[in-house]
Amino acid sequence: MSLVLHPFVINQPFRHRYLDRALAHIANHPGVWLTTSDEIADHYARTTAPAAGAATGAERA
């Protein structure tokens, strides 16, 4: 599950307490991976092999 937080919505001081509570609740479950989009992209690149016969980015260029 991804959690996208738009600054216009979440950057209201009265909402910070509720965000902290929600994140603490989520993070305390086993197997939860708290990460960034860059880390997700790196993980995908490391663990996903291109399909057999698929063109790579360099071949398409």
N, C-alpha and C. Protein backbone atom coordinates (compact mmCIF):
# COMPACT_ATOMS: atom_id res chain seq x y z
N MET A 1 0.86 -1.16 0.00
CA MET A 1 0.00 0.00 0.00
C MET A 1 0.91 1.23 0.00
N SER A 2 0.61 2.14 -0.85
CA SER A 2 1.35 3.40 -0.81
C SER A 2 0.47 4.47 -0.18
N LEU A 3 1.12 5.42 0.40
CA LEU A 3 0.41 6.51 1.07
C LEU A 3 0.95 7.81 0.50
N VAL A 4 0.14 8.47 -0.30
CA VAL A 4 0.54 9.72 -0.92
C VAL A 4 -0.05 10.87 -0.11
N LEU A 5 0.80 11.80 0.26
CA LEU A 5 0.36 12.91 1.10
C LEU A 5 0.58 14.23 0.36
N HIS A 6 -0.48 14.83 -0.09
CA HIS A 6 -0.38 16.09 -0.81
C HIS A 6 -0.14 17.21 0.21
N PRO A 7 0.85 18.06 -0.04
CA PRO A 7 1.16 19.13 0.92
C PRO A 7 -0.02 20.04 1.24
N PHE A 8 -0.88 20.30 0.26
CA PHE A 8 -2.02 21.18 0.52
C PHE A 8 -2.94 20.57 1.57
N VAL A 9 -3.06 19.26 1.56
CA VAL A 9 -3.97 18.59 2.49
C VAL A 9 -3.30 18.34 3.84
N ILE A 10 -2.09 17.78 3.82
CA ILE A 10 -1.47 17.34 5.07
C ILE A 10 -0.70 18.44 5.77
N ASN A 11 -0.34 19.50 5.09
CA ASN A 11 0.48 20.55 5.70
C ASN A 11 -0.36 21.55 6.48
N GLN A 12 -1.30 21.04 7.21
CA GLN A 12 -2.11 21.85 8.10
C GLN A 12 -1.73 21.45 9.53
N PRO A 13 -1.31 22.38 10.37
CA PRO A 13 -0.80 22.02 11.70
C PRO A 13 -1.73 21.11 12.50
N PHE A 14 -3.03 21.30 12.41
CA PHE A 14 -3.94 20.47 13.20
C PHE A 14 -3.99 19.02 12.70
N ARG A 15 -3.46 18.74 11.52
CA ARG A 15 -3.46 17.37 10.99
C ARG A 15 -2.19 16.60 11.34
N HIS A 16 -1.14 17.27 11.76
CA HIS A 16 0.13 16.60 12.03
C HIS A 16 0.00 15.50 13.08
N ARG A 17 -0.74 15.77 14.14
CA ARG A 17 -0.91 14.77 15.21
C ARG A 17 -1.55 13.50 14.67
N TYR A 18 -2.55 13.65 13.81
CA TYR A 18 -3.24 12.49 13.27
C TYR A 18 -2.37 11.71 12.28
N LEU A 19 -1.57 12.42 11.51
CA LEU A 19 -0.64 11.76 10.61
C LEU A 19 0.39 10.97 11.42
N ASP A 20 0.95 11.57 12.46
CA ASP A 20 1.91 10.87 13.32
C ASP A 20 1.30 9.60 13.90
N ARG A 21 0.09 9.68 14.37
CA ARG A 21 -0.59 8.51 14.94
C ARG A 21 -0.80 7.42 13.89
N ALA A 22 -1.26 7.83 12.71
CA ALA A 22 -1.52 6.86 11.65
C ALA A 22 -0.23 6.18 11.20
N LEU A 23 0.83 6.95 11.03
CA LEU A 23 2.11 6.36 10.60
C LEU A 23 2.67 5.43 11.67
N ALA A 24 2.56 5.80 12.92
CA ALA A 24 3.03 4.92 14.00
C ALA A 24 2.24 3.62 14.01
N HIS A 25 0.95 3.70 13.82
CA HIS A 25 0.10 2.50 13.78
C HIS A 25 0.51 1.59 12.62
N ILE A 26 0.70 2.16 11.46
CA ILE A 26 1.08 1.39 10.28
C ILE A 26 2.48 0.78 10.47
N ALA A 27 3.42 1.57 10.95
CA ALA A 27 4.81 1.13 11.08
C ALA A 27 4.98 0.03 12.11
N ASN A 28 4.07 -0.08 13.06
CA ASN A 28 4.18 -1.10 14.11
C ASN A 28 3.69 -2.47 13.69
N HIS A 29 3.22 -2.61 12.47
CA HIS A 29 2.80 -3.93 11.99
C HIS A 29 4.01 -4.67 11.41
N PRO A 30 4.08 -5.99 11.62
CA PRO A 30 5.22 -6.74 11.08
C PRO A 30 5.20 -6.74 9.55
N GLY A 31 6.39 -6.68 8.96
CA GLY A 31 6.51 -6.75 7.52
C GLY A 31 6.29 -5.45 6.79
N VAL A 32 6.10 -4.36 7.49
CA VAL A 32 5.88 -3.08 6.84
C VAL A 32 7.23 -2.50 6.42
N TRP A 33 7.30 -2.06 5.18
CA TRP A 33 8.53 -1.48 4.64
C TRP A 33 8.30 0.01 4.46
N LEU A 34 8.92 0.81 5.30
CA LEU A 34 8.84 2.26 5.19
C LEU A 34 9.96 2.69 4.25
N THR A 35 9.62 3.26 3.13
CA THR A 35 10.61 3.52 2.10
C THR A 35 10.26 4.75 1.29
N THR A 36 11.12 5.06 0.35
CA THR A 36 10.88 6.18 -0.56
C THR A 36 10.63 5.65 -1.97
N SER A 37 10.19 6.50 -2.84
CA SER A 37 9.96 6.08 -4.23
C SER A 37 11.27 5.67 -4.90
N ASP A 38 12.36 6.33 -4.56
CA ASP A 38 13.67 5.95 -5.13
C ASP A 38 14.07 4.55 -4.69
N GLU A 39 13.84 4.22 -3.43
CA GLU A 39 14.17 2.88 -2.95
C GLU A 39 13.29 1.82 -3.61
N ILE A 40 12.05 2.14 -3.88
CA ILE A 40 11.16 1.21 -4.58
C ILE A 40 11.67 0.98 -6.00
N ALA A 41 12.06 2.04 -6.68
CA ALA A 41 12.58 1.92 -8.04
C ALA A 41 13.87 1.09 -8.06
N ASP A 42 14.76 1.31 -7.10
CA ASP A 42 15.99 0.52 -7.01
C ASP A 42 15.69 -0.95 -6.78
N HIS A 43 14.77 -1.22 -5.87
CA HIS A 43 14.38 -2.60 -5.58
C HIS A 43 13.80 -3.27 -6.83
N TYR A 44 12.95 -2.58 -7.53
CA TYR A 44 12.35 -3.11 -8.75
C TYR A 44 13.43 -3.42 -9.79
N ALA A 45 14.35 -2.50 -9.97
CA ALA A 45 15.42 -2.70 -10.95
C ALA A 45 16.31 -3.89 -10.58
N ARG A 46 16.55 -4.09 -9.29
CA ARG A 46 17.40 -5.20 -8.84
C ARG A 46 16.70 -6.54 -8.94
N THR A 47 15.40 -6.57 -8.73
CA THR A 47 14.70 -7.85 -8.59
C THR A 47 13.87 -8.25 -9.79
N THR A 48 13.79 -7.42 -10.79
CA THR A 48 12.97 -7.73 -11.95
C THR A 48 13.86 -7.84 -13.18
N ALA A 49 13.92 -9.04 -13.73
CA ALA A 49 14.70 -9.25 -14.95
C ALA A 49 13.83 -8.91 -16.14
N PRO A 50 14.42 -8.37 -17.20
CA PRO A 50 13.63 -8.09 -18.41
C PRO A 50 13.09 -9.39 -19.00
N ALA A 51 11.93 -9.32 -19.60
CA ALA A 51 11.32 -10.49 -20.22
C ALA A 51 12.20 -10.96 -21.38
N ALA A 52 12.22 -12.26 -21.63
CA ALA A 52 13.03 -12.81 -22.71
C ALA A 52 12.64 -12.16 -24.03
N GLY A 53 13.63 -11.65 -24.76
CA GLY A 53 13.37 -11.03 -26.06
C GLY A 53 12.89 -9.61 -25.98
N ALA A 54 12.73 -9.07 -24.77
CA ALA A 54 12.26 -7.68 -24.64
C ALA A 54 13.40 -6.71 -24.96
N ALA A 55 13.06 -5.63 -25.62
CA ALA A 55 14.07 -4.61 -25.94
C ALA A 55 14.39 -3.82 -24.70
N THR A 56 15.66 -3.50 -24.51
CA THR A 56 16.05 -2.64 -23.40
C THR A 56 15.94 -1.19 -23.83
N GLY A 57 16.10 -0.29 -22.91
CA GLY A 57 16.03 1.13 -23.24
C GLY A 57 17.06 1.54 -24.27
N ALA A 58 18.27 0.97 -24.21
CA ALA A 58 19.34 1.32 -25.14
C ALA A 58 19.01 0.83 -26.55
N GLU A 59 18.36 -0.32 -26.65
CA GLU A 59 18.03 -0.87 -27.98
C GLU A 59 16.90 -0.09 -28.65
N ARG A 60 16.04 0.51 -27.85
CA ARG A 60 14.92 1.27 -28.41
C ARG A 60 15.35 2.65 -28.88
N ALA A 61 16.41 3.14 -28.33
CA ALA A 61 16.84 4.52 -28.62
C ALA A 61 17.43 4.67 -30.01
